[in-house]
Amino acid sequence: MALEQTIQRIEDKLQQLIKKLQQSQADNAMLRTQLLEHQEELRRQEAVIAGLDEKLKLARIATVTQGNGLSEEEEAFRKEVRGKINDYIREIDRCIALLNS
């Protein structure tokens, strides 16, 4: 009789372990799904941030190029932007010269 009770206790504990394993596996699958969803949301938010950064840069360039009451930092940025534009124009002129020759 003691042997049967021991076997029954072992079987009960085994069933409990199996239930815990199944619950852990279900929780793990749910957490993996949530992780993938959060990673996708993070990618979307990073794309939005990149778009907003670009808009901010363009707005800053537009403000600086108007040149009304600029701070020293804005004036330096304005000169930098103008320098880049001039570099692009020179490069375009070189390309046109090469095409014409």
N, C-alpha and C. Protein backbone atom coordinates (compact mmCIF):
# COMPACT_ATOMS: atom_id res chain seq x y z
N MET A 1 0.80 -1.19 0.00
CA MET A 1 0.00 0.00 0.00
C MET A 1 0.86 1.27 0.00
N ALA A 2 1.93 1.29 0.74
CA ALA A 2 2.82 2.43 0.78
C ALA A 2 3.44 2.67 -0.60
N LEU A 3 3.75 1.59 -1.30
CA LEU A 3 4.33 1.70 -2.63
C LEU A 3 3.33 2.35 -3.60
N GLU A 4 2.07 1.94 -3.50
CA GLU A 4 1.04 2.53 -4.37
C GLU A 4 0.86 4.01 -4.09
N GLN A 5 0.92 4.40 -2.82
CA GLN A 5 0.80 5.81 -2.45
C GLN A 5 1.98 6.61 -2.97
N THR A 6 3.16 6.04 -2.87
CA THR A 6 4.37 6.71 -3.37
C THR A 6 4.27 6.91 -4.88
N ILE A 7 3.84 5.88 -5.58
CA ILE A 7 3.68 5.96 -7.03
C ILE A 7 2.63 7.01 -7.38
N GLN A 8 1.53 7.02 -6.62
CA GLN A 8 0.47 8.00 -6.88
C GLN A 8 0.98 9.43 -6.65
N ARG A 9 1.75 9.64 -5.58
CA ARG A 9 2.32 10.98 -5.32
C ARG A 9 3.26 11.40 -6.44
N ILE A 10 4.07 10.46 -6.91
CA ILE A 10 5.00 10.75 -8.01
C ILE A 10 4.22 11.12 -9.27
N GLU A 11 3.16 10.37 -9.55
CA GLU A 11 2.33 10.68 -10.73
C GLU A 11 1.67 12.05 -10.59
N ASP A 12 1.18 12.36 -9.39
CA ASP A 12 0.56 13.67 -9.15
C ASP A 12 1.57 14.81 -9.37
N LYS A 13 2.75 14.63 -8.81
CA LYS A 13 3.79 15.65 -8.97
C LYS A 13 4.20 15.79 -10.44
N LEU A 14 4.25 14.65 -11.12
CA LEU A 14 4.59 14.68 -12.55
C LEU A 14 3.52 15.45 -13.33
N GLN A 15 2.26 15.24 -13.02
CA GLN A 15 1.18 15.98 -13.68
C GLN A 15 1.29 17.48 -13.40
N GLN A 16 1.61 17.82 -12.14
CA GLN A 16 1.79 19.22 -11.79
C GLN A 16 2.93 19.84 -12.58
N LEU A 17 4.02 19.10 -12.70
CA LEU A 17 5.17 19.60 -13.47
C LEU A 17 4.81 19.78 -14.95
N ILE A 18 4.05 18.85 -15.48
CA ILE A 18 3.63 18.94 -16.88
C ILE A 18 2.75 20.18 -17.08
N LYS A 19 1.83 20.44 -16.14
CA LYS A 19 0.98 21.63 -16.24
C LYS A 19 1.81 22.91 -16.15
N LYS A 20 2.79 22.91 -15.24
CA LYS A 20 3.66 24.09 -15.12
C LYS A 20 4.47 24.30 -16.39
N LEU A 21 4.96 23.21 -16.96
CA LEU A 21 5.72 23.30 -18.21
C LEU A 21 4.86 23.86 -19.33
N GLN A 22 3.64 23.36 -19.45
CA GLN A 22 2.73 23.84 -20.50
C GLN A 22 2.41 25.32 -20.29
N GLN A 23 2.18 25.72 -19.03
CA GLN A 23 1.90 27.12 -18.75
C GLN A 23 3.11 27.99 -19.07
N SER A 24 4.29 27.51 -18.73
CA SER A 24 5.52 28.26 -19.02
C SER A 24 5.72 28.41 -20.53
N GLN A 25 5.44 27.35 -21.26
CA GLN A 25 5.57 27.40 -22.72
C GLN A 25 4.56 28.38 -23.32
N ALA A 26 3.34 28.38 -22.80
CA ALA A 26 2.32 29.31 -23.29
C ALA A 26 2.73 30.75 -22.96
N ASP A 27 3.22 30.97 -21.74
CA ASP A 27 3.68 32.31 -21.36
C ASP A 27 4.84 32.76 -22.24
N ASN A 28 5.75 31.84 -22.50
CA ASN A 28 6.91 32.15 -23.35
C ASN A 28 6.47 32.55 -24.75
N ALA A 29 5.53 31.81 -25.32
CA ALA A 29 5.03 32.12 -26.66
C ALA A 29 4.35 33.49 -26.67
N MET A 30 3.58 33.79 -25.63
CA MET A 30 2.90 35.08 -25.55
C MET A 30 3.93 36.21 -25.43
N LEU A 31 4.95 36.00 -24.62
CA LEU A 31 5.99 37.03 -24.45
C LEU A 31 6.78 37.24 -25.74
N ARG A 32 7.03 36.17 -26.47
CA ARG A 32 7.72 36.31 -27.76
C ARG A 32 6.88 37.13 -28.75
N THR A 33 5.58 36.87 -28.74
CA THR A 33 4.68 37.63 -29.61
C THR A 33 4.68 39.11 -29.22
N GLN A 34 4.61 39.36 -27.93
CA GLN A 34 4.63 40.75 -27.46
C GLN A 34 5.95 41.42 -27.81
N LEU A 35 7.04 40.69 -27.69
CA LEU A 35 8.35 41.24 -28.03
C LEU A 35 8.40 41.64 -29.50
N LEU A 36 7.91 40.77 -30.38
CA LEU A 36 7.89 41.09 -31.80
C LEU A 36 7.02 42.31 -32.08
N GLU A 37 5.87 42.41 -31.39
CA GLU A 37 5.01 43.57 -31.58
C GLU A 37 5.70 44.85 -31.11
N HIS A 38 6.38 44.77 -29.98
CA HIS A 38 7.08 45.95 -29.47
C HIS A 38 8.25 46.34 -30.37
N GLN A 39 8.93 45.35 -30.92
CA GLN A 39 10.03 45.66 -31.83
C GLN A 39 9.51 46.34 -33.10
N GLU A 40 8.38 45.89 -33.59
CA GLU A 40 7.78 46.51 -34.78
C GLU A 40 7.33 47.93 -34.46
N GLU A 41 6.74 48.13 -33.30
CA GLU A 41 6.32 49.47 -32.89
C GLU A 41 7.54 50.39 -32.75
N LEU A 42 8.62 49.86 -32.22
CA LEU A 42 9.85 50.63 -32.09
C LEU A 42 10.37 51.04 -33.47
N ARG A 43 10.33 50.13 -34.42
CA ARG A 43 10.78 50.46 -35.79
C ARG A 43 9.90 51.56 -36.39
N ARG A 44 8.58 51.46 -36.17
CA ARG A 44 7.68 52.49 -36.68
C ARG A 44 7.98 53.84 -36.04
N GLN A 45 8.21 53.84 -34.74
CA GLN A 45 8.50 55.09 -34.04
C GLN A 45 9.84 55.67 -34.49
N GLU A 46 10.81 54.82 -34.75
CA GLU A 46 12.10 55.31 -35.24
C GLU A 46 11.94 55.94 -36.62
N ALA A 47 11.08 55.35 -37.45
CA ALA A 47 10.83 55.92 -38.77
C ALA A 47 10.14 57.28 -38.64
N VAL A 48 9.20 57.38 -37.71
CA VAL A 48 8.52 58.66 -37.49
C VAL A 48 9.52 59.71 -37.00
N ILE A 49 10.39 59.31 -36.09
CA ILE A 49 11.40 60.23 -35.56
C ILE A 49 12.32 60.70 -36.68
N ALA A 50 12.73 59.77 -37.54
CA ALA A 50 13.60 60.15 -38.65
C ALA A 50 12.91 61.15 -39.57
N GLY A 51 11.62 60.92 -39.84
CA GLY A 51 10.86 61.86 -40.67
C GLY A 51 10.74 63.22 -40.01
N LEU A 52 10.47 63.23 -38.71
CA LEU A 52 10.36 64.50 -38.00
C LEU A 52 11.70 65.22 -37.92
N ASP A 53 12.79 64.47 -37.76
CA ASP A 53 14.12 65.08 -37.78
C ASP A 53 14.39 65.76 -39.11
N GLU A 54 14.00 65.09 -40.19
CA GLU A 54 14.20 65.66 -41.52
C GLU A 54 13.37 66.94 -41.69
N LYS A 55 12.12 66.91 -41.22
CA LYS A 55 11.27 68.10 -41.30
C LYS A 55 11.86 69.23 -40.47
N LEU A 56 12.37 68.90 -39.29
CA LEU A 56 12.98 69.92 -38.43
C LEU A 56 14.20 70.53 -39.11
N LYS A 57 14.99 69.69 -39.74
CA LYS A 57 16.18 70.18 -40.45
C LYS A 57 15.77 71.11 -41.58
N LEU A 58 14.75 70.72 -42.34
CA LEU A 58 14.29 71.57 -43.43
C LEU A 58 13.71 72.88 -42.92
N ALA A 59 12.96 72.81 -41.82
CA ALA A 59 12.40 74.03 -41.24
C ALA A 59 13.51 74.94 -40.74
N ARG A 60 14.52 74.35 -40.16
CA ARG A 60 15.66 75.14 -39.67
C ARG A 60 16.39 75.80 -40.83
N ILE A 61 16.57 75.05 -41.90
CA ILE A 61 17.22 75.62 -43.08
C ILE A 61 16.39 76.75 -43.63
N ALA A 62 15.08 76.56 -43.71
CA ALA A 62 14.20 77.62 -44.23
C ALA A 62 14.26 78.87 -43.36
N THR A 63 14.27 78.67 -42.06
CA THR A 63 14.34 79.81 -41.14
C THR A 63 15.67 80.53 -41.27
N VAL A 64 16.73 79.76 -41.34
CA VAL A 64 18.07 80.35 -41.39
C VAL A 64 18.30 81.07 -42.71
N THR A 65 17.78 80.52 -43.79
CA THR A 65 18.03 81.16 -45.09
C THR A 65 17.28 82.47 -45.22
N GLN A 66 16.24 82.68 -44.43
CA GLN A 66 15.55 83.98 -44.47
C GLN A 66 16.43 85.05 -43.85
N GLY A 67 17.21 84.67 -42.84
CA GLY A 67 18.23 85.55 -42.31
C GLY A 67 17.74 86.72 -41.46
N ASN A 68 16.58 86.67 -40.90
CA ASN A 68 16.07 87.77 -40.07
C ASN A 68 16.44 87.55 -38.61
N GLY A 69 17.28 88.44 -38.06
CA GLY A 69 17.62 88.40 -36.64
C GLY A 69 18.17 87.07 -36.16
N LEU A 70 19.23 86.59 -36.80
CA LEU A 70 19.78 85.28 -36.47
C LEU A 70 20.77 85.37 -35.32
N SER A 71 20.79 84.33 -34.51
CA SER A 71 21.81 84.24 -33.46
C SER A 71 23.13 83.83 -34.12
N GLU A 72 24.18 83.84 -33.33
CA GLU A 72 25.49 83.47 -33.88
C GLU A 72 25.48 82.02 -34.37
N GLU A 73 24.84 81.16 -33.61
CA GLU A 73 24.76 79.75 -34.01
C GLU A 73 23.99 79.60 -35.32
N GLU A 74 22.87 80.29 -35.43
CA GLU A 74 22.07 80.22 -36.65
C GLU A 74 22.82 80.82 -37.83
N GLU A 75 23.56 81.89 -37.58
CA GLU A 75 24.36 82.51 -38.65
C GLU A 75 25.44 81.55 -39.13
N ALA A 76 26.07 80.85 -38.19
CA ALA A 76 27.09 79.86 -38.57
C ALA A 76 26.46 78.73 -39.38
N PHE A 77 25.28 78.29 -38.97
CA PHE A 77 24.58 77.25 -39.71
C PHE A 77 24.21 77.75 -41.11
N ARG A 78 23.78 79.00 -41.19
CA ARG A 78 23.43 79.59 -42.48
C ARG A 78 24.63 79.59 -43.42
N LYS A 79 25.79 79.98 -42.90
CA LYS A 79 27.01 79.98 -43.71
C LYS A 79 27.37 78.56 -44.15
N GLU A 80 27.18 77.61 -43.24
CA GLU A 80 27.46 76.21 -43.58
C GLU A 80 26.54 75.73 -44.70
N VAL A 81 25.26 76.05 -44.60
CA VAL A 81 24.29 75.64 -45.63
C VAL A 81 24.64 76.29 -46.96
N ARG A 82 24.93 77.58 -46.92
CA ARG A 82 25.31 78.26 -48.16
C ARG A 82 26.56 77.66 -48.77
N GLY A 83 27.52 77.31 -47.93
CA GLY A 83 28.75 76.68 -48.42
C GLY A 83 28.45 75.36 -49.11
N LYS A 84 27.58 74.57 -48.51
CA LYS A 84 27.22 73.28 -49.12
C LYS A 84 26.50 73.50 -50.44
N ILE A 85 25.61 74.47 -50.48
CA ILE A 85 24.89 74.76 -51.73
C ILE A 85 25.88 75.20 -52.80
N ASN A 86 26.83 76.04 -52.43
CA ASN A 86 27.84 76.48 -53.40
C ASN A 86 28.69 75.30 -53.89
N ASP A 87 29.02 74.39 -52.98
CA ASP A 87 29.78 73.19 -53.38
C ASP A 87 28.98 72.36 -54.38
N TYR A 88 27.69 72.20 -54.12
CA TYR A 88 26.84 71.45 -55.06
C TYR A 88 26.77 72.14 -56.42
N ILE A 89 26.66 73.44 -56.42
CA ILE A 89 26.59 74.20 -57.68
C ILE A 89 27.89 74.04 -58.46
N ARG A 90 29.02 74.13 -57.76
CA ARG A 90 30.32 73.94 -58.44
C ARG A 90 30.41 72.53 -59.04
N GLU A 91 29.97 71.54 -58.30
CA GLU A 91 30.02 70.17 -58.79
C GLU A 91 29.11 70.00 -60.01
N ILE A 92 27.94 70.60 -59.99
CA ILE A 92 27.03 70.56 -61.13
C ILE A 92 27.66 71.24 -62.34
N ASP A 93 28.29 72.38 -62.11
CA ASP A 93 28.98 73.09 -63.20
C ASP A 93 30.08 72.22 -63.81
N ARG A 94 30.84 71.52 -62.96
CA ARG A 94 31.89 70.63 -63.47
C ARG A 94 31.29 69.52 -64.32
N CYS A 95 30.19 68.96 -63.86
CA CYS A 95 29.52 67.89 -64.62
C CYS A 95 29.03 68.39 -65.97
N ILE A 96 28.47 69.58 -65.98
CA ILE A 96 27.99 70.17 -67.24
C ILE A 96 29.15 70.42 -68.18
N ALA A 97 30.27 70.91 -67.63
CA ALA A 97 31.46 71.15 -68.45
C ALA A 97 31.97 69.85 -69.04
N LEU A 98 31.97 68.78 -68.26
CA LEU A 98 32.42 67.49 -68.78
C LEU A 98 31.49 66.96 -69.87
N LEU A 99 30.20 67.18 -69.68
CA LEU A 99 29.24 66.74 -70.69
C LEU A 99 29.37 67.53 -71.99
N ASN A 100 29.71 68.81 -71.89
CA ASN A 100 29.83 69.65 -73.06
C ASN A 100 31.14 69.43 -73.82
N SER A 101 32.14 68.88 -73.15
CA SER A 101 33.43 68.72 -73.84
C SER A 101 33.52 67.44 -74.62
